[in-house]
């Protein structure tokens, strides 16, 4: 079960935005990062690649896509197709399987 953020109505959003101090929020975020309070959230593509221990170029080659495409997936600018999503899911849950296939094809 995934939690979805509450969506504000346009009126609620207007009130929220009018009371924000963006500068203070940015400074607080910087202080939090310096204090190690930040949390890195990886995309499913980045998680899959990290699980295999491969570089971006190695992982892209293994999947048969360009490094630029993989970067787009990892940065959330692009979404992988059905087949690529399946390969990424396998790599995330069983990286040894992907690596074994890679070793056989070389």
PDB file of N, CA and C in Angstrom:
ATOM      1  N   UNK A   1       0.835  -1.172   0.000  1.00  0.00           N
ATOM      2  CA  UNK A   1       0.000   0.000   0.000  1.00  0.00           C
ATOM      3  C   UNK A   1       0.879   1.234   0.000  1.00  0.00           C
ATOM      4  N   UNK A   2       0.665   2.126  -0.963  1.00  0.00           N
ATOM      5  CA  UNK A   2       1.472   3.340  -1.001  1.00  0.00           C
ATOM      6  C   UNK A   2       0.624   4.521  -0.528  1.00  0.00           C
ATOM      7  N   UNK A   3       1.283   5.386   0.180  1.00  0.00           N
ATOM      8  CA  UNK A   3       0.592   6.572   0.679  1.00  0.00           C
ATOM      9  C   UNK A   3       0.694   7.681  -0.350  1.00  0.00           C
ATOM     10  N   UNK A   4      -0.416   8.314  -0.660  1.00  0.00           N
ATOM     11  CA  UNK A   4      -0.407   9.430  -1.590  1.00  0.00           C
ATOM     12  C   UNK A   4      -0.502  10.715  -0.782  1.00  0.00           C
ATOM     13  N   UNK A   5       0.267  11.735  -1.198  1.00  0.00           N
ATOM     14  CA  UNK A   5       0.191  12.996  -0.453  1.00  0.00           C
ATOM     15  C   UNK A   5      -1.195  13.614  -0.620  1.00  0.00           C
ATOM     16  N   UNK A   6      -1.634  14.322   0.419  1.00  0.00           N
ATOM     17  CA  UNK A   6      -2.915  15.020   0.336  1.00  0.00           C
ATOM     18  C   UNK A   6      -2.789  16.154  -0.657  1.00  0.00           C
ATOM     19  N   UNK A   7      -3.776  16.268  -1.528  1.00  0.00           N
ATOM     20  CA  UNK A   7      -3.764  17.353  -2.499  1.00  0.00           C
ATOM     21  C   UNK A   7      -4.569  18.515  -1.946  1.00  0.00           C
ATOM     22  N   UNK A   8      -4.012  19.696  -2.136  1.00  0.00           N
ATOM     23  CA  UNK A   8      -4.681  20.899  -1.672  1.00  0.00           C
ATOM     24  C   UNK A   8      -5.606  21.430  -2.761  1.00  0.00           C
ATOM     25  N   UNK A   9      -6.681  22.015  -2.344  1.00  0.00           N
ATOM     26  CA  UNK A   9      -7.550  22.701  -3.294  1.00  0.00           C
ATOM     27  C   UNK A   9      -6.824  23.960  -3.739  1.00  0.00           C
ATOM     28  N   UNK A  10      -7.228  24.549  -4.842  1.00  0.00           N
ATOM     29  CA  UNK A  10      -6.567  25.794  -5.274  1.00  0.00           C
ATOM     30  C   UNK A  10      -6.599  26.885  -4.198  1.00  0.00           C
ATOM     31  N   UNK A  11      -7.693  26.987  -3.468  1.00  0.00           N
ATOM     32  CA  UNK A  11      -7.785  28.001  -2.413  1.00  0.00           C
ATOM     33  C   UNK A  11      -6.810  27.684  -1.279  1.00  0.00           C
ATOM     34  N   UNK A  12      -6.733  26.405  -0.878  1.00  0.00           N
ATOM     35  CA  UNK A  12      -5.812  26.005   0.191  1.00  0.00           C
ATOM     36  C   UNK A  12      -4.366  26.228  -0.237  1.00  0.00           C
ATOM     37  N   UNK A  13      -4.069  25.920  -1.501  1.00  0.00           N
ATOM     38  CA  UNK A  13      -2.717  26.113  -2.022  1.00  0.00           C
ATOM     39  C   UNK A  13      -2.338  27.592  -2.000  1.00  0.00           C
ATOM     40  N   UNK A  14      -3.268  28.442  -2.369  1.00  0.00           N
ATOM     41  CA  UNK A  14      -3.010  29.886  -2.366  1.00  0.00           C
ATOM     42  C   UNK A  14      -2.689  30.385  -0.957  1.00  0.00           C
ATOM     43  N   UNK A  15      -3.436  29.925   0.029  1.00  0.00           N
ATOM     44  CA  UNK A  15      -3.179  30.312   1.423  1.00  0.00           C
ATOM     45  C   UNK A  15      -1.818  29.782   1.869  1.00  0.00           C
ATOM     46  N   UNK A  16      -1.559  28.519   1.550  1.00  0.00           N
ATOM     47  CA  UNK A  16      -0.285  27.905   1.936  1.00  0.00           C
ATOM     48  C   UNK A  16       0.895  28.672   1.334  1.00  0.00           C
ATOM     49  N   UNK A  17       0.820  28.959   0.044  1.00  0.00           N
ATOM     50  CA  UNK A  17       1.911  29.663  -0.631  1.00  0.00           C
ATOM     51  C   UNK A  17       2.097  31.081  -0.091  1.00  0.00           C
ATOM     52  N   UNK A  18       1.030  31.731   0.302  1.00  0.00           N
ATOM     53  CA  UNK A  18       1.134  33.114   0.777  1.00  0.00           C
ATOM     54  C   UNK A  18       1.802  33.208   2.153  1.00  0.00           C
ATOM     55  N   UNK A  19       1.828  32.114   2.896  1.00  0.00           N
ATOM     56  CA  UNK A  19       2.411  32.136   4.237  1.00  0.00           C
ATOM     57  C   UNK A  19       3.804  31.518   4.297  1.00  0.00           C
ATOM     58  N   UNK A  20       4.308  31.036   3.170  1.00  0.00           N
ATOM     59  CA  UNK A  20       5.621  30.381   3.159  1.00  0.00           C
ATOM     60  C   UNK A  20       6.758  31.386   3.160  1.00  0.00           C
ATOM     61  N   UNK A  21       7.848  31.009   3.799  1.00  0.00           N
ATOM     62  CA  UNK A  21       9.087  31.772   3.724  1.00  0.00           C
ATOM     63  C   UNK A  21      10.099  30.863   3.033  1.00  0.00           C
ATOM     64  N   UNK A  22      10.156  30.974   1.712  1.00  0.00           N
ATOM     65  CA  UNK A  22      10.995  30.080   0.913  1.00  0.00           C
ATOM     66  C   UNK A  22      12.458  30.157   1.336  1.00  0.00           C
ATOM     67  N   UNK A  23      12.942  31.361   1.592  1.00  0.00           N
ATOM     68  CA  UNK A  23      14.337  31.525   2.010  1.00  0.00           C
ATOM     69  C   UNK A  23      14.635  30.746   3.283  1.00  0.00           C
ATOM     70  N   UNK A  24      13.748  30.832   4.267  1.00  0.00           N
ATOM     71  CA  UNK A  24      13.943  30.103   5.520  1.00  0.00           C
ATOM     72  C   UNK A  24      13.889  28.595   5.280  1.00  0.00           C
ATOM     73  N   UNK A  25      13.009  28.152   4.384  1.00  0.00           N
ATOM     74  CA  UNK A  25      12.912  26.723   4.075  1.00  0.00           C
ATOM     75  C   UNK A  25      14.196  26.217   3.426  1.00  0.00           C
ATOM     76  N   UNK A  26      14.762  27.013   2.525  1.00  0.00           N
ATOM     77  CA  UNK A  26      16.010  26.621   1.861  1.00  0.00           C
ATOM     78  C   UNK A  26      17.156  26.561   2.866  1.00  0.00           C
ATOM     79  N   UNK A  27      17.262  27.588   3.711  1.00  0.00           N
ATOM     80  CA  UNK A  27      18.324  27.584   4.726  1.00  0.00           C
ATOM     81  C   UNK A  27      18.190  26.395   5.670  1.00  0.00           C
ATOM     82  N   UNK A  28      16.952  26.078   6.071  1.00  0.00           N
ATOM     83  CA  UNK A  28      16.734  24.936   6.954  1.00  0.00           C
ATOM     84  C   UNK A  28      17.140  23.641   6.259  1.00  0.00           C
ATOM     85  N   UNK A  29      16.840  23.526   4.985  1.00  0.00           N
ATOM     86  CA  UNK A  29      17.210  22.327   4.226  1.00  0.00           C
ATOM     87  C   UNK A  29      18.725  22.179   4.146  1.00  0.00           C
ATOM     88  N   UNK A  30      19.416  23.285   3.929  1.00  0.00           N
ATOM     89  CA  UNK A  30      20.875  23.242   3.869  1.00  0.00           C
ATOM     90  C   UNK A  30      21.445  22.826   5.221  1.00  0.00           C
ATOM     91  N   UNK A  31      20.922  23.392   6.292  1.00  0.00           N
ATOM     92  CA  UNK A  31      21.384  23.029   7.633  1.00  0.00           C
ATOM     93  C   UNK A  31      21.119  21.547   7.914  1.00  0.00           C
ATOM     94  N   UNK A  32      19.956  21.062   7.506  1.00  0.00           N
ATOM     95  CA  UNK A  32      19.626  19.646   7.702  1.00  0.00           C
ATOM     96  C   UNK A  32      20.593  18.749   6.938  1.00  0.00           C
ATOM     97  N   UNK A  33      20.901  19.127   5.690  1.00  0.00           N
ATOM     98  CA  UNK A  33      21.830  18.320   4.893  1.00  0.00           C
ATOM     99  C   UNK A  33      23.215  18.302   5.531  1.00  0.00           C
ATOM    100  N   UNK A  34      23.678  19.459   5.984  1.00  0.00           N
ATOM    101  CA  UNK A  34      24.990  19.526   6.614  1.00  0.00           C
ATOM    102  C   UNK A  34      25.036  18.687   7.893  1.00  0.00           C
ATOM    103  N   UNK A  35      23.900  18.607   8.574  1.00  0.00           N
ATOM    104  CA  UNK A  35      23.826  17.836   9.819  1.00  0.00           C
ATOM    105  C   UNK A  35      23.591  16.347   9.554  1.00  0.00           C
ATOM    106  N   UNK A  36      23.509  15.973   8.280  1.00  0.00           N
ATOM    107  CA  UNK A  36      23.307  14.560   7.953  1.00  0.00           C
ATOM    108  C   UNK A  36      21.868  14.098   8.111  1.00  0.00           C
ATOM    109  N   UNK A  37      20.931  15.024   8.154  1.00  0.00           N
ATOM    110  CA  UNK A  37      19.530  14.659   8.328  1.00  0.00           C
ATOM    111  C   UNK A  37      18.837  14.362   7.008  1.00  0.00           C
ATOM    112  N   UNK A  38      19.511  14.634   5.921  1.00  0.00           N
ATOM    113  CA  UNK A  38      18.898  14.417   4.612  1.00  0.00           C
ATOM    114  C   UNK A  38      18.766  12.935   4.299  1.00  0.00           C
ATOM    115  N   UNK A  39      17.872  12.629   3.416  1.00  0.00           N
ATOM    116  CA  UNK A  39      17.640  11.252   3.019  1.00  0.00           C
ATOM    117  C   UNK A  39      17.661  11.180   1.494  1.00  0.00           C
ATOM    118  N   UNK A  40      18.498  10.319   0.956  1.00  0.00           N
ATOM    119  CA  UNK A  40      18.580  10.143  -0.483  1.00  0.00           C
ATOM    120  C   UNK A  40      17.548   9.107  -0.899  1.00  0.00           C
ATOM    121  N   UNK A  41      16.726   9.482  -1.855  1.00  0.00           N
ATOM    122  CA  UNK A  41      15.711   8.563  -2.361  1.00  0.00           C
ATOM    123  C   UNK A  41      16.121   8.169  -3.774  1.00  0.00           C
ATOM    124  N   UNK A  42      16.352   6.892  -3.969  1.00  0.00           N
ATOM    125  CA  UNK A  42      16.766   6.402  -5.277  1.00  0.00           C
ATOM    126  C   UNK A  42      15.562   5.959  -6.088  1.00  0.00           C
ATOM    127  N   UNK A  43      15.648   6.173  -7.390  1.00  0.00           N
ATOM    128  CA  UNK A  43      14.613   5.657  -8.283  1.00  0.00           C
ATOM    129  C   UNK A  43      14.773   4.146  -8.376  1.00  0.00           C
ATOM    130  N   UNK A  44      13.767   3.475  -8.901  1.00  0.00           N
ATOM    131  CA  UNK A  44      13.854   2.016  -9.029  1.00  0.00           C
ATOM    132  C   UNK A  44      14.998   1.625  -9.960  1.00  0.00           C
ATOM    133  N   UNK A  45      15.263   2.444 -10.984  1.00  0.00           N
ATOM    134  CA  UNK A  45      16.369   2.149 -11.899  1.00  0.00           C
ATOM    135  C   UNK A  45      17.711   2.281 -11.179  1.00  0.00           C
ATOM    136  N   UNK A  46      17.848   3.316 -10.368  1.00  0.00           N
ATOM    137  CA  UNK A  46      19.091   3.499  -9.618  1.00  0.00           C
ATOM    138  C   UNK A  46      19.267   2.400  -8.579  1.00  0.00           C
ATOM    139  N   UNK A  47      18.174   1.994  -7.936  1.00  0.00           N
ATOM    140  CA  UNK A  47      18.240   0.889  -6.978  1.00  0.00           C
ATOM    141  C   UNK A  47      18.692  -0.392  -7.669  1.00  0.00           C
ATOM    142  N   UNK A  48      18.148  -0.652  -8.849  1.00  0.00           N
ATOM    143  CA  UNK A  48      18.498  -1.862  -9.596  1.00  0.00           C
ATOM    144  C   UNK A  48      19.972  -1.855  -9.967  1.00  0.00           C
ATOM    145  N   UNK A  49      20.448  -0.724 -10.486  1.00  0.00           N
ATOM    146  CA  UNK A  49      21.862  -0.639 -10.867  1.00  0.00           C
ATOM    147  C   UNK A  49      22.760  -0.772  -9.650  1.00  0.00           C
ATOM    148  N   UNK A  50      22.380  -0.117  -8.565  1.00  0.00           N
ATOM    149  CA  UNK A  50      23.177  -0.194  -7.348  1.00  0.00           C
ATOM    150  C   UNK A  50      23.257  -1.634  -6.827  1.00  0.00           C
ATOM    151  N   UNK A  51      22.154  -2.366  -6.950  1.00  0.00           N
ATOM    152  CA  UNK A  51      22.132  -3.755  -6.485  1.00  0.00           C
ATOM    153  C   UNK A  51      23.114  -4.624  -7.257  1.00  0.00           C
ATOM    154  N   UNK A  52      23.342  -4.289  -8.528  1.00  0.00           N
ATOM    155  CA  UNK A  52      24.276  -5.089  -9.336  1.00  0.00           C
ATOM    156  C   UNK A  52      25.720  -4.670  -9.124  1.00  0.00           C
ATOM    157  N   UNK A  53      25.923  -3.443  -8.634  1.00  0.00           N
ATOM    158  CA  UNK A  53      27.281  -2.942  -8.448  1.00  0.00           C
ATOM    159  C   UNK A  53      27.931  -2.480  -9.740  1.00  0.00           C
ATOM    160  N   UNK A  54      27.145  -2.337 -10.802  1.00  0.00           N
ATOM    161  CA  UNK A  54      27.691  -1.928 -12.092  1.00  0.00           C
ATOM    162  C   UNK A  54      27.665  -0.413 -12.245  1.00  0.00           C
ATOM    163  N   UNK A  55      28.536   0.087 -13.112  1.00  0.00           N
ATOM    164  CA  UNK A  55      28.525   1.507 -13.445  1.00  0.00           C
ATOM    165  C   UNK A  55      27.331   1.779 -14.358  1.00  0.00           C
ATOM    166  N   UNK A  56      27.055   3.051 -14.582  1.00  0.00           N
ATOM    167  CA  UNK A  56      25.947   3.384 -15.486  1.00  0.00           C
ATOM    168  C   UNK A  56      26.196   2.829 -16.881  1.00  0.00           C
ATOM    169  N   UNK A  57      27.396   2.971 -17.379  1.00  0.00           N
ATOM    170  CA  UNK A  57      27.673   2.492 -18.740  1.00  0.00           C
ATOM    171  C   UNK A  57      27.579   0.966 -18.819  1.00  0.00           C
ATOM    172  N   UNK A  58      28.065   0.270 -17.810  1.00  0.00           N
ATOM    173  CA  UNK A  58      27.969  -1.190 -17.802  1.00  0.00           C
ATOM    174  C   UNK A  58      26.520  -1.653 -17.723  1.00  0.00           C
ATOM    175  N   UNK A  59      25.740  -1.019 -16.844  1.00  0.00           N
ATOM    176  CA  UNK A  59      24.347  -1.425 -16.648  1.00  0.00           C
ATOM    177  C   UNK A  59      23.517  -1.096 -17.889  1.00  0.00           C
ATOM    178  N   UNK A  60      23.761   0.071 -18.482  1.00  0.00           N
ATOM    179  CA  UNK A  60      23.041   0.447 -19.705  1.00  0.00           C
ATOM    180  C   UNK A  60      23.335  -0.550 -20.815  1.00  0.00           C
ATOM    181  N   UNK A  61      24.591  -0.935 -20.960  1.00  0.00           N
ATOM    182  CA  UNK A  61      24.973  -1.914 -21.970  1.00  0.00           C
ATOM    183  C   UNK A  61      24.289  -3.252 -21.725  1.00  0.00           C
ATOM    184  N   UNK A  62      24.241  -3.674 -20.481  1.00  0.00           N
ATOM    185  CA  UNK A  62      23.587  -4.927 -20.116  1.00  0.00           C
ATOM    186  C   UNK A  62      22.107  -4.913 -20.496  1.00  0.00           C
ATOM    187  N   UNK A  63      21.449  -3.762 -20.281  1.00  0.00           N
ATOM    188  CA  UNK A  63      20.021  -3.649 -20.592  1.00  0.00           C
ATOM    189  C   UNK A  63      19.760  -3.354 -22.063  1.00  0.00           C
ATOM    190  N   UNK A  64      20.807  -2.998 -22.799  1.00  0.00           N
ATOM    191  CA  UNK A  64      20.637  -2.681 -24.208  1.00  0.00           C
ATOM    192  C   UNK A  64      20.062  -1.300 -24.462  1.00  0.00           C
ATOM    193  N   UNK A  65      20.376  -0.366 -23.565  1.00  0.00           N
ATOM    194  CA  UNK A  65      19.918   1.015 -23.725  1.00  0.00           C
ATOM    195  C   UNK A  65      21.118   1.943 -23.642  1.00  0.00           C
ATOM    196  N   UNK A  66      20.920   3.174 -24.046  1.00  0.00           N
ATOM    197  CA  UNK A  66      22.012   4.149 -23.963  1.00  0.00           C
ATOM    198  C   UNK A  66      22.185   4.609 -22.517  1.00  0.00           C
ATOM    199  N   UNK A  67      23.360   5.112 -22.220  1.00  0.00           N
ATOM    200  CA  UNK A  67      23.625   5.661 -20.890  1.00  0.00           C
ATOM    201  C   UNK A  67      22.674   6.825 -20.631  1.00  0.00           C
ATOM    202  N   UNK A  68      22.405   7.605 -21.652  1.00  0.00           N
ATOM    203  CA  UNK A  68      21.506   8.756 -21.522  1.00  0.00           C
ATOM    204  C   UNK A  68      20.092   8.304 -21.130  1.00  0.00           C
ATOM    205  N   UNK A  69      19.631   7.209 -21.724  1.00  0.00           N
ATOM    206  CA  UNK A  69      18.310   6.674 -21.374  1.00  0.00           C
ATOM    207  C   UNK A  69      18.296   6.214 -19.922  1.00  0.00           C
ATOM    208  N   UNK A  70      19.330   5.485 -19.512  1.00  0.00           N
ATOM    209  CA  UNK A  70      19.421   5.032 -18.125  1.00  0.00           C
ATOM    210  C   UNK A  70      19.444   6.220 -17.173  1.00  0.00           C
ATOM    211  N   UNK A  71      20.200   7.245 -17.516  1.00  0.00           N
ATOM    212  CA  UNK A  71      20.245   8.443 -16.669  1.00  0.00           C
ATOM    213  C   UNK A  71      18.872   9.079 -16.556  1.00  0.00           C
ATOM    214  N   UNK A  72      18.132   9.108 -17.652  1.00  0.00           N
ATOM    215  CA  UNK A  72      16.773   9.643 -17.624  1.00  0.00           C
ATOM    216  C   UNK A  72      15.884   8.865 -16.673  1.00  0.00           C
ATOM    217  N   UNK A  73      16.019   7.536 -16.683  1.00  0.00           N
ATOM    218  CA  UNK A  73      15.243   6.696 -15.755  1.00  0.00           C
ATOM    219  C   UNK A  73      15.646   6.980 -14.312  1.00  0.00           C
ATOM    220  N   UNK A  74      16.962   7.027 -14.078  1.00  0.00           N
ATOM    221  CA  UNK A  74      17.460   7.213 -12.716  1.00  0.00           C
ATOM    222  C   UNK A  74      17.070   8.578 -12.151  1.00  0.00           C
ATOM    223  N   UNK A  75      16.984   9.584 -13.009  1.00  0.00           N
ATOM    224  CA  UNK A  75      16.650  10.932 -12.563  1.00  0.00           C
ATOM    225  C   UNK A  75      15.150  11.205 -12.603  1.00  0.00           C
ATOM    226  N   UNK A  76      14.375  10.219 -13.040  1.00  0.00           N
ATOM    227  CA  UNK A  76      12.928  10.364 -13.069  1.00  0.00           C
ATOM    228  C   UNK A  76      12.398  11.207 -14.213  1.00  0.00           C
ATOM    229  N   UNK A  77      13.246  11.528 -15.193  1.00  0.00           N
ATOM    230  CA  UNK A  77      12.792  12.307 -16.338  1.00  0.00           C
ATOM    231  C   UNK A  77      12.069  11.437 -17.357  1.00  0.00           C
ATOM    232  N   UNK A  78      12.380  10.153 -17.364  1.00  0.00           N
ATOM    233  CA  UNK A  78      11.773   9.198 -18.300  1.00  0.00           C
ATOM    234  C   UNK A  78      11.341   7.967 -17.522  1.00  0.00           C
ATOM    235  N   UNK A  79      10.393   7.240 -18.099  1.00  0.00           N
ATOM    236  CA  UNK A  79       9.926   5.995 -17.490  1.00  0.00           C
ATOM    237  C   UNK A  79      10.291   4.840 -18.409  1.00  0.00           C
ATOM    238  N   UNK A  80      10.826   3.747 -17.855  1.00  0.00           N
ATOM    239  CA  UNK A  80      11.170   2.593 -18.702  1.00  0.00           C
ATOM    240  C   UNK A  80       9.911   1.911 -19.244  1.00  0.00           C
ATOM    241  N   UNK A  81      10.089   1.242 -20.385  1.00  0.00           N
ATOM    242  CA  UNK A  81       8.995   0.493 -21.002  1.00  0.00           C
ATOM    243  C   UNK A  81       8.690  -0.751 -20.172  1.00  0.00           C
ATOM    244  N   UNK A  82       7.683  -1.491 -20.576  1.00  0.00           N
ATOM    245  CA  UNK A  82       7.286  -2.702 -19.849  1.00  0.00           C
ATOM    246  C   UNK A  82       8.413  -3.710 -19.705  1.00  0.00           C
ATOM    247  N   UNK A  83       9.100  -4.014 -20.808  1.00  0.00           N
ATOM    248  CA  UNK A  83      10.185  -4.999 -20.761  1.00  0.00           C
ATOM    249  C   UNK A  83      11.334  -4.501 -19.881  1.00  0.00           C
ATOM    250  N   UNK A  84      11.662  -3.224 -20.025  1.00  0.00           N
ATOM    251  CA  UNK A  84      12.737  -2.663 -19.214  1.00  0.00           C
ATOM    252  C   UNK A  84      12.353  -2.640 -17.738  1.00  0.00           C
ATOM    253  N   UNK A  85      11.089  -2.332 -17.441  1.00  0.00           N
ATOM    254  CA  UNK A  85      10.630  -2.352 -16.039  1.00  0.00           C
ATOM    255  C   UNK A  85      10.793  -3.744 -15.447  1.00  0.00           C
ATOM    256  N   UNK A  86      10.505  -4.771 -16.252  1.00  0.00           N
ATOM    257  CA  UNK A  86      10.652  -6.148 -15.774  1.00  0.00           C
ATOM    258  C   UNK A  86      12.114  -6.465 -15.496  1.00  0.00           C
ATOM    259  N   UNK A  87      13.004  -6.084 -16.410  1.00  0.00           N
ATOM    260  CA  UNK A  87      14.434  -6.318 -16.189  1.00  0.00           C
ATOM    261  C   UNK A  87      14.939  -5.575 -14.958  1.00  0.00           C
ATOM    262  N   UNK A  88      14.465  -4.352 -14.778  1.00  0.00           N
ATOM    263  CA  UNK A  88      14.875  -3.580 -13.601  1.00  0.00           C
ATOM    264  C   UNK A  88      14.368  -4.227 -12.320  1.00  0.00           C
ATOM    265  N   UNK A  89      13.163  -4.765 -12.346  1.00  0.00           N
ATOM    266  CA  UNK A  89      12.614  -5.441 -11.167  1.00  0.00           C
ATOM    267  C   UNK A  89      13.433  -6.689 -10.843  1.00  0.00           C
ATOM    268  N   UNK A  90      13.830  -7.425 -11.866  1.00  0.00           N
ATOM    269  CA  UNK A  90      14.666  -8.616 -11.647  1.00  0.00           C
ATOM    270  C   UNK A  90      16.014  -8.195 -11.073  1.00  0.00           C
ATOM    271  N   UNK A  91      16.605  -7.149 -11.640  1.00  0.00           N
ATOM    272  CA  UNK A  91      17.906  -6.679 -11.154  1.00  0.00           C
ATOM    273  C   UNK A  91      17.825  -6.216  -9.711  1.00  0.00           C
ATOM    274  N   UNK A  92      16.706  -5.576  -9.339  1.00  0.00           N
ATOM    275  CA  UNK A  92      16.534  -5.093  -7.965  1.00  0.00           C
ATOM    276  C   UNK A  92      16.376  -6.251  -6.990  1.00  0.00           C
ATOM    277  N   UNK A  93      15.582  -7.253  -7.371  1.00  0.00           N
ATOM    278  CA  UNK A  93      15.273  -8.341  -6.437  1.00  0.00           C
ATOM    279  C   UNK A  93      16.261  -9.492  -6.501  1.00  0.00           C
ATOM    280  N   UNK A  94      16.903  -9.670  -7.660  1.00  0.00           N
ATOM    281  CA  UNK A  94      17.844 -10.781  -7.806  1.00  0.00           C
ATOM    282  C   UNK A  94      18.989 -10.347  -8.728  1.00  0.00           C
ATOM    283  N   UNK A  95      19.873  -9.482  -8.232  1.00  0.00           N
ATOM    284  CA  UNK A  95      20.940  -8.964  -9.083  1.00  0.00           C
ATOM    285  C   UNK A  95      21.859 -10.057  -9.628  1.00  0.00           C
ATOM    286  N   UNK A  96      21.982 -11.161  -8.888  1.00  0.00           N
ATOM    287  CA  UNK A  96      22.846 -12.244  -9.365  1.00  0.00           C
ATOM    288  C   UNK A  96      22.325 -12.850 -10.678  1.00  0.00           C
ATOM    289  N   UNK A  97      20.992 -12.872 -10.839  1.00  0.00           N
ATOM    290  CA  UNK A  97      20.402 -13.402 -12.069  1.00  0.00           C
ATOM    291  C   UNK A  97      20.792 -12.548 -13.274  1.00  0.00           C
ATOM    292  N   UNK A  98      20.712 -11.232 -13.131  1.00  0.00           N
ATOM    293  CA  UNK A  98      21.083 -10.324 -14.208  1.00  0.00           C
ATOM    294  C   UNK A  98      22.572 -10.437 -14.512  1.00  0.00           C
ATOM    295  N   UNK A  99      23.373 -10.502 -13.460  1.00  0.00           N
ATOM    296  CA  UNK A  99      24.822 -10.615 -13.651  1.00  0.00           C
ATOM    297  C   UNK A  99      25.199 -11.934 -14.307  1.00  0.00           C
ATOM    298  N   UNK A 100      24.490 -13.007 -13.967  1.00  0.00           N
ATOM    299  CA  UNK A 100      24.756 -14.316 -14.574  1.00  0.00           C
ATOM    300  C   UNK A 100      24.455 -14.284 -16.066  1.00  0.00           C
ATOM    301  N   UNK A 101      23.362 -13.679 -16.443  1.00  0.00           N
ATOM    302  CA  UNK A 101      23.011 -13.551 -17.854  1.00  0.00           C
ATOM    303  C   UNK A 101      24.055 -12.711 -18.567  1.00  0.00           C
ATOM    304  N   UNK A 102      24.502 -11.662 -17.922  1.00  0.00           N
ATOM    305  CA  UNK A 102      25.511 -10.795 -18.484  1.00  0.00           C
ATOM    306  C   UNK A 102      26.805 -11.575 -18.743  1.00  0.00           C
ATOM    307  N   UNK A 103      27.205 -12.393 -17.797  1.00  0.00           N
ATOM    308  CA  UNK A 103      28.434 -13.167 -17.922  1.00  0.00           C
ATOM    309  C   UNK A 103      28.328 -14.181 -19.059  1.00  0.00           C
ATOM    310  N   UNK A 104      27.148 -14.753 -19.269  1.00  0.00           N
ATOM    311  CA  UNK A 104      26.947 -15.748 -20.323  1.00  0.00           C
ATOM    312  C   UNK A 104      26.976 -15.114 -21.712  1.00  0.00           C
ATOM    313  N   UNK A 105      26.527 -13.884 -21.819  1.00  0.00           N
ATOM    314  CA  UNK A 105      26.454 -13.248 -23.136  1.00  0.00           C
ATOM    315  C   UNK A 105      27.777 -12.650 -23.573  1.00  0.00           C
ATOM    316  N   UNK A 106      28.764 -12.615 -22.684  1.00  0.00           N
ATOM    317  CA  UNK A 106      30.055 -12.022 -23.051  1.00  0.00           C
ATOM    318  C   UNK A 106      31.036 -13.074 -23.463  1.00  0.00           C
TER     319      UNK A 106
END
